[in-house]
């Protein structure tokens, strides 16, 4: 069955989640933060993900913006920077303006030129996602932005992946699902999607019941797989 619908995770896949910390480190007057930003970016992202999994397991959902703030607070405390409220405010502000990876606009335009449905499926809250899409200027090449907030649980719950078929009326076999998270690409493969793991860091494959169908280092060749 041919691919008709290309679905993308947002954070780390289309949008560079390290950009907020990296850009703050480059601002005048933030020189002392420069030595901390790689650790802050790493801890922030890891805790953000861990808190989504834990909240899904224990049934204590709250939206991704709250989880994002919780993850940042943990990261700042881990680096001894919890007493700088202006730093926290600036990092959170820039998270609404994350940069898209350089290849993203051309890749999405190529998919639309092939007649593909394109959408985001993300743990992000609708307001966060819309802000990132607008900031990156890619709204014209996305048919929809789907958020877990409509089902009240984070990925990789099956009810999240169900949103794709409900929105586009397509079979699982028609979907190419792309994520920078190995666990997400693996879970979506187990669900029945054809999946791509965008493994920018060259990490090992996660030990899960299902594994991604394809592993790439960036998004450039995604249109070649949408056939």
N, C-alpha and C. Protein backbone atom coordinates (compact mmCIF):
# COMPACT_ATOMS: atom_id res chain seq x y z
N UNK A 1 0.85 -1.19 0.00
CA UNK A 1 0.00 0.00 0.00
C UNK A 1 0.89 1.25 0.00
N UNK A 2 0.66 2.20 -0.92
CA UNK A 2 1.53 3.37 -1.01
C UNK A 2 1.37 4.31 0.18
N UNK A 3 2.43 5.05 0.46
CA UNK A 3 2.40 6.07 1.50
C UNK A 3 1.60 7.27 1.00
N UNK A 4 0.64 7.72 1.82
CA UNK A 4 -0.15 8.91 1.49
C UNK A 4 0.02 10.03 2.50
N UNK A 5 0.54 9.67 3.69
CA UNK A 5 0.50 10.59 4.82
C UNK A 5 1.83 10.54 5.57
N UNK A 6 2.47 11.69 5.70
CA UNK A 6 3.76 11.78 6.39
C UNK A 6 3.58 12.57 7.68
N UNK A 7 3.87 11.92 8.79
CA UNK A 7 3.63 12.48 10.11
C UNK A 7 4.96 12.65 10.84
N UNK A 8 5.11 13.80 11.45
CA UNK A 8 6.38 14.14 12.10
C UNK A 8 6.18 14.45 13.58
N UNK A 9 7.05 13.88 14.40
CA UNK A 9 7.21 14.39 15.75
C UNK A 9 7.75 15.82 15.62
N UNK A 10 7.60 16.61 16.66
CA UNK A 10 7.99 18.02 16.57
C UNK A 10 9.36 18.28 17.19
N UNK A 11 9.46 18.10 18.49
CA UNK A 11 10.63 18.54 19.24
C UNK A 11 11.80 17.57 19.07
N UNK A 12 12.88 18.08 18.52
CA UNK A 12 14.04 17.25 18.21
C UNK A 12 13.98 16.66 16.82
N UNK A 13 12.81 16.68 16.20
CA UNK A 13 12.64 16.14 14.86
C UNK A 13 12.58 17.27 13.84
N UNK A 14 11.58 18.12 13.94
CA UNK A 14 11.52 19.31 13.10
C UNK A 14 12.21 20.51 13.75
N UNK A 15 12.10 20.60 15.07
CA UNK A 15 12.61 21.76 15.80
C UNK A 15 13.79 21.38 16.69
N UNK A 16 14.80 22.22 16.68
CA UNK A 16 16.04 21.98 17.43
C UNK A 16 15.83 22.34 18.90
N UNK A 17 15.67 21.34 19.76
CA UNK A 17 15.37 21.61 21.17
C UNK A 17 16.55 22.20 21.93
N UNK A 18 17.75 22.11 21.38
CA UNK A 18 18.91 22.71 22.04
C UNK A 18 19.05 24.19 21.73
N UNK A 19 18.24 24.69 20.80
CA UNK A 19 18.44 26.06 20.33
C UNK A 19 18.22 27.09 21.42
N UNK A 20 17.26 26.86 22.31
CA UNK A 20 16.98 27.86 23.35
C UNK A 20 18.21 28.08 24.23
N UNK A 21 18.77 27.02 24.77
CA UNK A 21 19.94 27.15 25.64
C UNK A 21 21.15 27.66 24.86
N UNK A 22 21.34 27.17 23.66
CA UNK A 22 22.49 27.61 22.85
C UNK A 22 22.41 29.10 22.53
N UNK A 23 21.22 29.58 22.19
CA UNK A 23 21.07 30.99 21.84
C UNK A 23 21.21 31.90 23.06
N UNK A 24 20.71 31.46 24.22
CA UNK A 24 20.91 32.26 25.43
C UNK A 24 22.39 32.38 25.75
N UNK A 25 23.14 31.31 25.57
CA UNK A 25 24.58 31.33 25.86
C UNK A 25 25.32 32.32 24.98
N UNK A 26 24.79 32.62 23.80
CA UNK A 26 25.45 33.53 22.87
C UNK A 26 25.05 34.99 23.08
N UNK A 27 24.09 35.25 23.98
CA UNK A 27 23.64 36.62 24.21
C UNK A 27 24.64 37.40 25.05
N UNK A 28 24.79 38.71 24.78
CA UNK A 28 25.68 39.53 25.62
C UNK A 28 25.28 39.48 27.09
N UNK A 29 26.26 39.36 27.96
CA UNK A 29 26.01 39.30 29.39
C UNK A 29 25.74 37.90 29.90
N UNK A 30 25.68 36.92 29.01
CA UNK A 30 25.42 35.54 29.43
C UNK A 30 26.68 34.66 29.33
N UNK A 31 27.84 35.30 29.35
CA UNK A 31 29.07 34.55 29.16
C UNK A 31 29.25 33.44 30.19
N UNK A 32 28.83 33.69 31.43
CA UNK A 32 28.99 32.67 32.47
C UNK A 32 28.08 31.47 32.24
N UNK A 33 27.03 31.68 31.46
CA UNK A 33 26.12 30.58 31.15
C UNK A 33 26.69 29.65 30.07
N UNK A 34 27.65 30.16 29.32
CA UNK A 34 28.16 29.41 28.17
C UNK A 34 28.69 28.03 28.57
N UNK A 35 29.33 27.94 29.73
CA UNK A 35 29.88 26.65 30.14
C UNK A 35 28.80 25.67 30.59
N UNK A 36 27.62 26.20 30.88
CA UNK A 36 26.54 25.36 31.38
C UNK A 36 25.53 24.92 30.31
N UNK A 37 25.48 25.64 29.17
CA UNK A 37 24.34 25.42 28.29
C UNK A 37 24.26 24.00 27.72
N UNK A 38 25.37 23.32 27.37
CA UNK A 38 25.20 21.96 26.85
C UNK A 38 24.57 21.02 27.88
N UNK A 39 24.99 21.14 29.15
CA UNK A 39 24.41 20.29 30.20
C UNK A 39 22.96 20.66 30.45
N UNK A 40 22.65 21.96 30.44
CA UNK A 40 21.28 22.39 30.63
C UNK A 40 20.39 21.82 29.53
N UNK A 41 20.83 21.94 28.28
CA UNK A 41 20.03 21.44 27.15
C UNK A 41 19.81 19.93 27.26
N UNK A 42 20.85 19.20 27.64
CA UNK A 42 20.74 17.74 27.75
C UNK A 42 19.81 17.34 28.89
N UNK A 43 20.05 17.89 30.07
CA UNK A 43 19.21 17.55 31.23
C UNK A 43 17.75 17.97 31.01
N UNK A 44 17.56 19.13 30.44
CA UNK A 44 16.22 19.66 30.20
C UNK A 44 15.42 18.72 29.33
N UNK A 45 16.01 18.30 28.22
CA UNK A 45 15.31 17.42 27.31
C UNK A 45 15.05 16.05 27.93
N UNK A 46 16.05 15.51 28.63
CA UNK A 46 15.88 14.19 29.22
C UNK A 46 14.77 14.19 30.27
N UNK A 47 14.77 15.18 31.16
CA UNK A 47 13.75 15.24 32.19
C UNK A 47 12.37 15.51 31.59
N UNK A 48 12.32 16.33 30.57
CA UNK A 48 11.05 16.59 29.88
C UNK A 48 10.44 15.28 29.39
N UNK A 49 11.25 14.45 28.76
CA UNK A 49 10.76 13.16 28.27
C UNK A 49 10.42 12.21 29.41
N UNK A 50 11.30 12.12 30.39
CA UNK A 50 11.05 11.21 31.51
C UNK A 50 9.75 11.55 32.22
N UNK A 51 9.48 12.83 32.38
CA UNK A 51 8.26 13.22 33.07
C UNK A 51 7.01 12.88 32.26
N UNK A 52 7.09 12.92 30.92
CA UNK A 52 5.93 12.49 30.12
C UNK A 52 5.67 11.01 30.31
N UNK A 53 6.72 10.20 30.31
CA UNK A 53 6.54 8.75 30.48
C UNK A 53 5.97 8.44 31.87
N UNK A 54 6.55 9.05 32.87
CA UNK A 54 6.10 8.77 34.24
C UNK A 54 4.66 9.22 34.46
N UNK A 55 4.32 10.38 33.94
CA UNK A 55 2.94 10.85 34.09
C UNK A 55 1.95 9.96 33.35
N UNK A 56 2.36 9.44 32.20
CA UNK A 56 1.48 8.52 31.48
C UNK A 56 1.27 7.24 32.27
N UNK A 57 2.31 6.72 32.88
CA UNK A 57 2.23 5.47 33.62
C UNK A 57 1.36 5.62 34.88
N UNK A 58 1.53 6.74 35.60
CA UNK A 58 0.81 6.89 36.86
C UNK A 58 -0.53 7.60 36.69
N UNK A 59 -0.86 7.99 35.46
CA UNK A 59 -2.14 8.61 35.20
C UNK A 59 -2.27 10.00 35.78
N UNK A 60 -1.19 10.77 35.70
CA UNK A 60 -1.19 12.13 36.26
C UNK A 60 -0.83 13.13 35.17
N UNK A 61 -1.66 13.20 34.14
CA UNK A 61 -1.35 14.04 32.99
C UNK A 61 -1.44 15.52 33.33
N UNK A 62 -0.49 16.29 32.81
CA UNK A 62 -0.65 17.74 32.70
C UNK A 62 0.05 18.15 31.41
N UNK A 63 -0.26 19.33 30.92
CA UNK A 63 0.18 19.62 29.55
C UNK A 63 1.69 19.80 29.45
N UNK A 64 2.15 19.74 28.22
CA UNK A 64 3.58 19.68 27.93
C UNK A 64 4.31 20.96 28.34
N UNK A 65 3.63 22.07 28.36
CA UNK A 65 4.27 23.30 28.80
C UNK A 65 4.64 23.21 30.27
N UNK A 66 3.75 22.66 31.08
CA UNK A 66 4.06 22.47 32.49
C UNK A 66 5.21 21.49 32.65
N UNK A 67 5.18 20.40 31.88
CA UNK A 67 6.27 19.41 31.95
C UNK A 67 7.59 20.03 31.51
N UNK A 68 7.54 20.87 30.50
CA UNK A 68 8.74 21.54 30.01
C UNK A 68 9.34 22.44 31.09
N UNK A 69 8.50 23.16 31.82
CA UNK A 69 8.99 24.00 32.91
C UNK A 69 9.57 23.15 34.04
N UNK A 70 8.92 22.03 34.35
CA UNK A 70 9.44 21.15 35.39
C UNK A 70 10.83 20.61 35.02
N UNK A 71 10.98 20.23 33.76
CA UNK A 71 12.26 19.72 33.30
C UNK A 71 13.36 20.77 33.37
N UNK A 72 13.02 22.00 33.00
CA UNK A 72 14.00 23.08 33.08
C UNK A 72 14.39 23.36 34.52
N UNK A 73 13.41 23.38 35.41
CA UNK A 73 13.72 23.64 36.81
C UNK A 73 14.69 22.60 37.38
N UNK A 74 14.50 21.35 37.00
CA UNK A 74 15.42 20.29 37.45
C UNK A 74 16.82 20.53 36.88
N UNK A 75 16.87 20.88 35.58
CA UNK A 75 18.17 21.09 34.93
C UNK A 75 18.91 22.28 35.54
N UNK A 76 18.19 23.35 35.81
CA UNK A 76 18.84 24.52 36.41
C UNK A 76 19.37 24.20 37.81
N UNK A 77 18.59 23.48 38.59
CA UNK A 77 19.06 23.11 39.92
C UNK A 77 20.27 22.18 39.85
N UNK A 78 20.26 21.27 38.89
CA UNK A 78 21.39 20.35 38.75
C UNK A 78 22.68 21.09 38.44
N UNK A 79 22.57 22.25 37.76
CA UNK A 79 23.75 23.05 37.42
C UNK A 79 23.98 24.20 38.39
N UNK A 80 23.19 24.25 39.48
CA UNK A 80 23.36 25.30 40.47
C UNK A 80 22.91 26.67 40.01
N UNK A 81 21.94 26.72 39.10
CA UNK A 81 21.49 27.99 38.53
C UNK A 81 20.03 28.28 38.86
N UNK A 82 19.51 27.63 39.87
CA UNK A 82 18.09 27.77 40.18
C UNK A 82 17.71 29.13 40.75
N UNK A 83 18.69 29.93 41.16
CA UNK A 83 18.40 31.22 41.78
C UNK A 83 18.46 32.39 40.80
N UNK A 84 18.38 32.10 39.50
CA UNK A 84 18.42 33.15 38.48
C UNK A 84 17.11 33.16 37.71
N UNK A 85 16.08 33.86 38.22
CA UNK A 85 14.77 33.83 37.56
C UNK A 85 14.77 34.45 36.17
N UNK A 86 15.65 35.42 35.92
CA UNK A 86 15.68 36.02 34.59
C UNK A 86 16.21 35.03 33.55
N UNK A 87 17.15 34.19 33.95
CA UNK A 87 17.66 33.15 33.06
C UNK A 87 16.55 32.16 32.73
N UNK A 88 15.83 31.73 33.75
CA UNK A 88 14.73 30.79 33.53
C UNK A 88 13.69 31.39 32.58
N UNK A 89 13.33 32.63 32.80
CA UNK A 89 12.32 33.28 31.97
C UNK A 89 12.77 33.36 30.52
N UNK A 90 14.04 33.69 30.32
CA UNK A 90 14.57 33.82 28.95
C UNK A 90 14.60 32.48 28.25
N UNK A 91 15.03 31.44 28.93
CA UNK A 91 15.07 30.10 28.32
C UNK A 91 13.66 29.65 27.92
N UNK A 92 12.70 29.88 28.78
CA UNK A 92 11.33 29.49 28.46
C UNK A 92 10.77 30.31 27.31
N UNK A 93 11.11 31.58 27.26
CA UNK A 93 10.65 32.43 26.15
C UNK A 93 11.15 31.89 24.82
N UNK A 94 12.43 31.54 24.76
CA UNK A 94 13.01 31.07 23.51
C UNK A 94 12.50 29.69 23.12
N UNK A 95 11.98 28.92 24.08
CA UNK A 95 11.43 27.61 23.72
C UNK A 95 10.20 27.74 22.83
N UNK A 96 9.55 28.88 22.86
CA UNK A 96 8.41 29.14 21.99
C UNK A 96 8.85 29.55 20.59
N UNK A 97 10.16 29.76 20.42
CA UNK A 97 10.69 30.25 19.14
C UNK A 97 11.81 29.34 18.63
N UNK A 98 11.68 28.06 18.87
CA UNK A 98 12.74 27.13 18.48
C UNK A 98 12.96 27.16 16.96
N UNK A 99 14.21 27.00 16.58
CA UNK A 99 14.56 26.98 15.16
C UNK A 99 14.24 25.62 14.56
N UNK A 100 13.75 25.64 13.34
CA UNK A 100 13.64 24.38 12.59
C UNK A 100 15.02 23.99 12.08
N UNK A 101 15.26 22.69 11.95
CA UNK A 101 16.51 22.25 11.34
C UNK A 101 16.57 22.76 9.90
N UNK A 102 17.76 23.01 9.37
CA UNK A 102 17.89 23.68 8.07
C UNK A 102 17.18 22.99 6.92
N UNK A 103 17.12 21.66 6.94
CA UNK A 103 16.54 20.93 5.81
C UNK A 103 15.03 20.84 5.85
N UNK A 104 14.42 21.30 6.93
CA UNK A 104 12.98 21.08 7.13
C UNK A 104 12.09 21.74 6.08
N UNK A 105 12.23 23.04 5.78
CA UNK A 105 11.32 23.65 4.82
C UNK A 105 11.34 22.98 3.44
N UNK A 106 12.53 22.75 2.90
CA UNK A 106 12.61 22.14 1.57
C UNK A 106 12.04 20.72 1.58
N UNK A 107 12.29 19.99 2.64
CA UNK A 107 11.77 18.62 2.75
C UNK A 107 10.25 18.61 2.75
N UNK A 108 9.64 19.49 3.53
CA UNK A 108 8.18 19.55 3.58
C UNK A 108 7.59 20.02 2.26
N UNK A 109 8.22 20.98 1.62
CA UNK A 109 7.74 21.43 0.31
C UNK A 109 7.80 20.30 -0.71
N UNK A 110 8.85 19.49 -0.64
CA UNK A 110 8.98 18.35 -1.56
C UNK A 110 7.87 17.33 -1.34
N UNK A 111 7.52 17.09 -0.09
CA UNK A 111 6.42 16.16 0.21
C UNK A 111 5.09 16.68 -0.33
N UNK A 112 4.83 17.97 -0.12
CA UNK A 112 3.58 18.54 -0.63
C UNK A 112 3.54 18.51 -2.15
N UNK A 113 4.68 18.70 -2.79
CA UNK A 113 4.74 18.64 -4.26
C UNK A 113 4.40 17.24 -4.77
N UNK A 114 4.61 16.23 -3.93
CA UNK A 114 4.26 14.85 -4.29
C UNK A 114 2.82 14.52 -3.92
N UNK A 115 2.10 15.48 -3.36
CA UNK A 115 0.70 15.26 -3.02
C UNK A 115 0.47 14.57 -1.68
N UNK A 116 1.48 14.58 -0.81
CA UNK A 116 1.36 13.90 0.48
C UNK A 116 0.59 14.75 1.49
N UNK A 117 -0.16 14.08 2.36
CA UNK A 117 -0.64 14.72 3.57
C UNK A 117 0.55 14.89 4.51
N UNK A 118 0.63 16.02 5.17
CA UNK A 118 1.73 16.25 6.12
C UNK A 118 1.16 16.82 7.42
N UNK A 119 1.69 16.33 8.55
CA UNK A 119 1.21 16.83 9.83
C UNK A 119 2.24 16.56 10.91
N UNK A 120 2.09 17.28 12.00
CA UNK A 120 2.83 17.03 13.23
C UNK A 120 1.95 16.21 14.16
N UNK A 121 2.56 15.26 14.86
CA UNK A 121 1.91 14.53 15.95
C UNK A 121 2.85 14.62 17.14
N UNK A 122 2.47 15.38 18.16
CA UNK A 122 3.44 15.73 19.20
C UNK A 122 2.83 15.68 20.59
N UNK A 123 3.72 15.48 21.57
CA UNK A 123 3.36 15.64 22.97
C UNK A 123 3.10 17.10 23.33
N UNK A 124 3.54 18.02 22.49
CA UNK A 124 3.41 19.43 22.78
C UNK A 124 1.98 19.89 22.90
N UNK A 125 1.78 20.95 23.68
CA UNK A 125 0.45 21.55 23.78
C UNK A 125 0.17 22.34 22.51
N UNK A 126 -1.10 22.53 22.15
CA UNK A 126 -1.42 23.23 20.90
C UNK A 126 -0.79 24.60 20.79
N UNK A 127 -0.80 25.39 21.86
CA UNK A 127 -0.23 26.74 21.80
C UNK A 127 1.28 26.69 21.54
N UNK A 128 1.97 25.79 22.21
CA UNK A 128 3.41 25.64 21.99
C UNK A 128 3.72 25.27 20.55
N UNK A 129 2.98 24.29 20.05
CA UNK A 129 3.23 23.81 18.70
C UNK A 129 2.93 24.88 17.66
N UNK A 130 1.83 25.58 17.83
CA UNK A 130 1.50 26.63 16.88
C UNK A 130 2.54 27.75 16.89
N UNK A 131 3.05 28.06 18.09
CA UNK A 131 4.11 29.06 18.18
C UNK A 131 5.36 28.64 17.44
N UNK A 132 5.75 27.38 17.59
CA UNK A 132 6.95 26.88 16.91
C UNK A 132 6.76 26.84 15.40
N UNK A 133 5.58 26.40 14.96
CA UNK A 133 5.29 26.33 13.53
C UNK A 133 5.33 27.73 12.91
N UNK A 134 4.73 28.68 13.58
CA UNK A 134 4.73 30.04 13.06
C UNK A 134 6.13 30.63 13.04
N UNK A 135 6.90 30.39 14.11
CA UNK A 135 8.25 30.91 14.19
C UNK A 135 9.13 30.34 13.07
N UNK A 136 8.93 29.07 12.76
CA UNK A 136 9.72 28.42 11.71
C UNK A 136 9.19 28.71 10.31
N UNK A 137 7.99 29.25 10.21
CA UNK A 137 7.43 29.59 8.91
C UNK A 137 7.07 28.39 8.05
N UNK A 138 6.57 27.31 8.68
CA UNK A 138 6.26 26.09 7.93
C UNK A 138 4.78 25.74 7.94
N UNK A 139 3.94 26.67 8.39
CA UNK A 139 2.52 26.38 8.47
C UNK A 139 1.87 26.09 7.14
N UNK A 140 2.42 26.66 6.05
CA UNK A 140 1.81 26.48 4.74
C UNK A 140 2.09 25.11 4.14
N UNK A 141 2.99 24.34 4.75
CA UNK A 141 3.30 23.00 4.22
C UNK A 141 2.92 21.91 5.22
N UNK A 142 2.07 22.25 6.15
CA UNK A 142 1.52 21.28 7.09
C UNK A 142 -0.01 21.31 7.00
N UNK A 143 -0.61 20.13 6.88
CA UNK A 143 -2.07 20.06 6.82
C UNK A 143 -2.71 20.13 8.20
N UNK A 144 -1.96 19.76 9.22
CA UNK A 144 -2.52 19.82 10.57
C UNK A 144 -1.41 19.70 11.59
N UNK A 145 -1.72 20.10 12.81
CA UNK A 145 -0.83 19.94 13.96
C UNK A 145 -1.64 19.22 15.03
N UNK A 146 -1.30 17.96 15.28
CA UNK A 146 -2.06 17.11 16.20
C UNK A 146 -1.33 17.03 17.54
N UNK A 147 -2.06 17.29 18.61
CA UNK A 147 -1.48 17.30 19.95
C UNK A 147 -2.11 16.21 20.82
N UNK A 148 -1.31 15.65 21.71
CA UNK A 148 -1.82 14.65 22.64
C UNK A 148 -2.86 15.21 23.60
N UNK A 149 -2.95 16.53 23.67
CA UNK A 149 -3.91 17.12 24.60
C UNK A 149 -5.35 16.71 24.27
N UNK A 150 -5.60 16.30 23.04
CA UNK A 150 -6.96 15.88 22.68
C UNK A 150 -7.32 14.52 23.28
N UNK A 151 -6.31 13.75 23.74
CA UNK A 151 -6.58 12.45 24.36
C UNK A 151 -6.09 12.37 25.80
N UNK A 152 -5.30 13.35 26.24
CA UNK A 152 -4.92 13.43 27.65
C UNK A 152 -3.91 12.41 28.12
N UNK A 153 -3.05 11.96 27.21
CA UNK A 153 -1.95 11.07 27.60
C UNK A 153 -0.83 11.25 26.59
N UNK A 154 0.40 11.07 27.04
CA UNK A 154 1.55 11.28 26.17
C UNK A 154 1.89 10.03 25.35
N UNK A 155 2.62 10.25 24.25
CA UNK A 155 3.21 9.13 23.53
C UNK A 155 4.15 8.37 24.46
N UNK A 156 4.24 7.05 24.25
CA UNK A 156 3.82 6.27 23.10
C UNK A 156 2.49 5.52 23.26
N UNK A 157 1.52 6.08 23.92
CA UNK A 157 0.22 5.41 24.04
C UNK A 157 -0.43 5.27 22.66
N UNK A 158 -1.03 4.12 22.41
CA UNK A 158 -1.65 3.87 21.10
C UNK A 158 -2.71 4.89 20.74
N UNK A 159 -3.44 5.40 21.75
CA UNK A 159 -4.51 6.35 21.44
C UNK A 159 -3.96 7.63 20.82
N UNK A 160 -2.69 7.93 21.05
CA UNK A 160 -2.07 9.08 20.39
C UNK A 160 -1.87 8.79 18.91
N UNK A 161 -1.31 7.63 18.59
CA UNK A 161 -1.10 7.27 17.18
C UNK A 161 -2.44 7.11 16.45
N UNK A 162 -3.49 6.75 17.18
CA UNK A 162 -4.83 6.66 16.58
C UNK A 162 -5.28 7.97 15.96
N UNK A 163 -4.77 9.08 16.47
CA UNK A 163 -5.20 10.39 15.99
C UNK A 163 -4.92 10.58 14.50
N UNK A 164 -3.90 9.91 14.00
CA UNK A 164 -3.54 10.08 12.58
C UNK A 164 -4.64 9.52 11.68
N UNK A 165 -5.05 8.28 11.93
CA UNK A 165 -6.11 7.68 11.13
C UNK A 165 -7.43 8.41 11.27
N UNK A 166 -7.70 8.89 12.47
CA UNK A 166 -8.93 9.63 12.69
C UNK A 166 -8.96 10.93 11.90
N UNK A 167 -7.81 11.58 11.80
CA UNK A 167 -7.75 12.87 11.10
C UNK A 167 -7.73 12.70 9.58
N UNK A 168 -6.96 11.73 9.08
CA UNK A 168 -6.75 11.64 7.64
C UNK A 168 -7.50 10.49 6.98
N UNK A 169 -8.17 9.65 7.77
CA UNK A 169 -8.92 8.56 7.19
C UNK A 169 -8.06 7.56 6.43
N UNK A 170 -6.84 7.37 6.89
CA UNK A 170 -5.89 6.50 6.20
C UNK A 170 -5.64 5.24 7.03
N UNK A 171 -5.20 4.20 6.33
CA UNK A 171 -4.78 2.98 7.01
C UNK A 171 -3.39 3.17 7.60
N UNK A 172 -3.06 2.37 8.61
CA UNK A 172 -1.73 2.47 9.21
C UNK A 172 -0.63 2.28 8.17
N UNK A 173 -0.89 1.40 7.21
CA UNK A 173 0.13 1.09 6.19
C UNK A 173 0.40 2.25 5.26
N UNK A 174 -0.45 3.26 5.27
CA UNK A 174 -0.27 4.43 4.41
C UNK A 174 0.55 5.53 5.07
N UNK A 175 0.94 5.32 6.32
CA UNK A 175 1.58 6.38 7.10
C UNK A 175 3.09 6.17 7.20
N UNK A 176 3.83 7.21 6.89
CA UNK A 176 5.26 7.28 7.19
C UNK A 176 5.42 8.19 8.40
N UNK A 177 5.88 7.62 9.50
CA UNK A 177 6.01 8.36 10.75
C UNK A 177 7.48 8.61 11.03
N UNK A 178 7.82 9.86 11.31
CA UNK A 178 9.21 10.28 11.45
C UNK A 178 9.43 10.89 12.82
N UNK A 179 10.43 10.40 13.55
CA UNK A 179 10.73 10.93 14.88
C UNK A 179 12.23 10.88 15.14
N UNK A 180 12.71 11.85 15.90
CA UNK A 180 14.10 11.82 16.35
C UNK A 180 14.27 11.00 17.62
N UNK A 181 13.17 10.56 18.19
CA UNK A 181 13.21 9.73 19.40
C UNK A 181 13.13 8.27 19.00
N UNK A 182 14.18 7.51 19.32
CA UNK A 182 14.19 6.10 18.95
C UNK A 182 13.03 5.33 19.53
N UNK A 183 12.66 5.65 20.78
CA UNK A 183 11.53 4.96 21.43
C UNK A 183 10.21 5.27 20.72
N UNK A 184 10.07 6.47 20.21
CA UNK A 184 8.86 6.89 19.51
C UNK A 184 8.75 6.18 18.16
N UNK A 185 9.84 6.18 17.43
CA UNK A 185 9.85 5.50 16.13
C UNK A 185 9.64 4.00 16.31
N UNK A 186 10.21 3.42 17.37
CA UNK A 186 10.00 2.00 17.64
C UNK A 186 8.57 1.69 18.02
N UNK A 187 7.99 2.50 18.90
CA UNK A 187 6.61 2.28 19.32
C UNK A 187 5.65 2.44 18.16
N UNK A 188 5.90 3.44 17.31
CA UNK A 188 5.03 3.66 16.16
C UNK A 188 5.15 2.52 15.15
N UNK A 189 6.34 1.93 15.05
CA UNK A 189 6.50 0.75 14.18
C UNK A 189 5.69 -0.42 14.73
N UNK A 190 5.73 -0.60 16.05
CA UNK A 190 4.92 -1.65 16.66
C UNK A 190 3.44 -1.41 16.48
N UNK A 191 3.05 -0.16 16.41
CA UNK A 191 1.64 0.21 16.19
C UNK A 191 1.19 -0.15 14.79
N UNK A 192 2.12 -0.12 13.82
CA UNK A 192 1.78 -0.46 12.45
C UNK A 192 2.19 0.55 11.40
N UNK A 193 2.76 1.67 11.83
CA UNK A 193 3.26 2.65 10.88
C UNK A 193 4.60 2.20 10.29
N UNK A 194 4.91 2.66 9.09
CA UNK A 194 6.27 2.62 8.58
C UNK A 194 7.01 3.79 9.22
N UNK A 195 8.13 3.53 9.84
CA UNK A 195 8.76 4.57 10.65
C UNK A 195 10.20 4.86 10.26
N UNK A 196 10.57 6.12 10.51
CA UNK A 196 11.94 6.58 10.32
C UNK A 196 12.43 7.17 11.64
N UNK A 197 13.58 6.72 12.08
CA UNK A 197 14.25 7.32 13.21
C UNK A 197 15.32 8.27 12.69
N UNK A 198 15.18 9.55 12.99
CA UNK A 198 16.20 10.54 12.62
C UNK A 198 17.22 10.58 13.76
N UNK A 199 18.26 9.83 13.59
CA UNK A 199 19.24 9.60 14.64
C UNK A 199 20.43 10.54 14.45
N UNK A 200 20.21 11.80 14.76
CA UNK A 200 21.24 12.82 14.53
C UNK A 200 22.49 12.59 15.38
N UNK A 201 22.35 11.97 16.52
CA UNK A 201 23.48 11.79 17.45
C UNK A 201 24.19 10.45 17.27
N UNK A 202 23.71 9.59 16.37
CA UNK A 202 24.35 8.30 16.16
C UNK A 202 24.24 7.37 17.35
N UNK A 203 23.08 7.37 18.02
CA UNK A 203 22.89 6.55 19.20
C UNK A 203 22.52 5.11 18.84
N UNK A 204 22.69 4.16 19.77
CA UNK A 204 22.26 2.78 19.54
C UNK A 204 20.74 2.69 19.45
N UNK A 205 20.27 1.64 18.82
CA UNK A 205 18.82 1.38 18.73
C UNK A 205 18.31 0.96 20.10
N UNK A 206 17.16 1.53 20.49
CA UNK A 206 16.56 1.16 21.76
C UNK A 206 16.11 -0.30 21.76
N UNK A 207 16.26 -0.95 22.90
CA UNK A 207 15.85 -2.36 23.07
C UNK A 207 14.37 -2.40 23.40
N UNK A 208 13.55 -2.39 22.37
CA UNK A 208 12.10 -2.38 22.51
C UNK A 208 11.50 -3.46 21.63
N UNK A 209 10.21 -3.78 21.81
CA UNK A 209 9.60 -4.87 21.04
C UNK A 209 9.65 -4.66 19.53
N UNK A 210 9.62 -3.41 19.06
CA UNK A 210 9.70 -3.12 17.63
C UNK A 210 10.77 -2.06 17.41
N UNK A 211 11.34 -2.05 16.22
CA UNK A 211 12.41 -1.12 15.89
C UNK A 211 12.03 -0.33 14.64
N UNK A 212 12.64 0.85 14.44
CA UNK A 212 12.33 1.65 13.26
C UNK A 212 12.65 0.92 11.96
N UNK A 213 11.88 1.22 10.93
CA UNK A 213 12.12 0.61 9.62
C UNK A 213 13.36 1.17 8.95
N UNK A 214 13.61 2.46 9.16
CA UNK A 214 14.73 3.15 8.53
C UNK A 214 15.36 4.08 9.54
N UNK A 215 16.69 4.19 9.47
CA UNK A 215 17.42 5.12 10.32
C UNK A 215 18.19 6.09 9.43
N UNK A 216 17.99 7.40 9.66
CA UNK A 216 18.66 8.44 8.90
C UNK A 216 19.38 9.40 9.84
N UNK A 217 20.31 10.16 9.31
CA UNK A 217 21.03 11.14 10.13
C UNK A 217 20.38 12.52 10.08
N UNK A 218 19.51 12.75 9.09
CA UNK A 218 18.74 13.99 9.03
C UNK A 218 17.51 13.74 8.17
N UNK A 219 16.76 14.80 7.88
CA UNK A 219 15.46 14.66 7.21
C UNK A 219 15.53 14.83 5.69
N UNK A 220 16.69 15.06 5.16
CA UNK A 220 16.82 15.46 3.75
C UNK A 220 16.16 14.48 2.79
N UNK A 221 16.33 13.18 3.02
CA UNK A 221 15.87 12.18 2.05
C UNK A 221 14.48 11.61 2.37
N UNK A 222 13.77 12.21 3.33
CA UNK A 222 12.43 11.72 3.64
C UNK A 222 11.52 11.67 2.40
N UNK A 223 11.52 12.66 1.51
CA UNK A 223 10.64 12.56 0.33
C UNK A 223 10.91 11.34 -0.54
N UNK A 224 12.14 10.83 -0.52
CA UNK A 224 12.45 9.63 -1.31
C UNK A 224 11.78 8.39 -0.75
N UNK A 225 11.44 8.42 0.53
CA UNK A 225 10.80 7.26 1.18
C UNK A 225 9.29 7.31 1.06
N UNK A 226 8.72 8.45 0.70
CA UNK A 226 7.28 8.63 0.62
C UNK A 226 6.80 8.21 -0.76
N UNK A 227 6.71 6.88 -0.94
CA UNK A 227 6.31 6.33 -2.24
C UNK A 227 5.28 5.22 -2.01
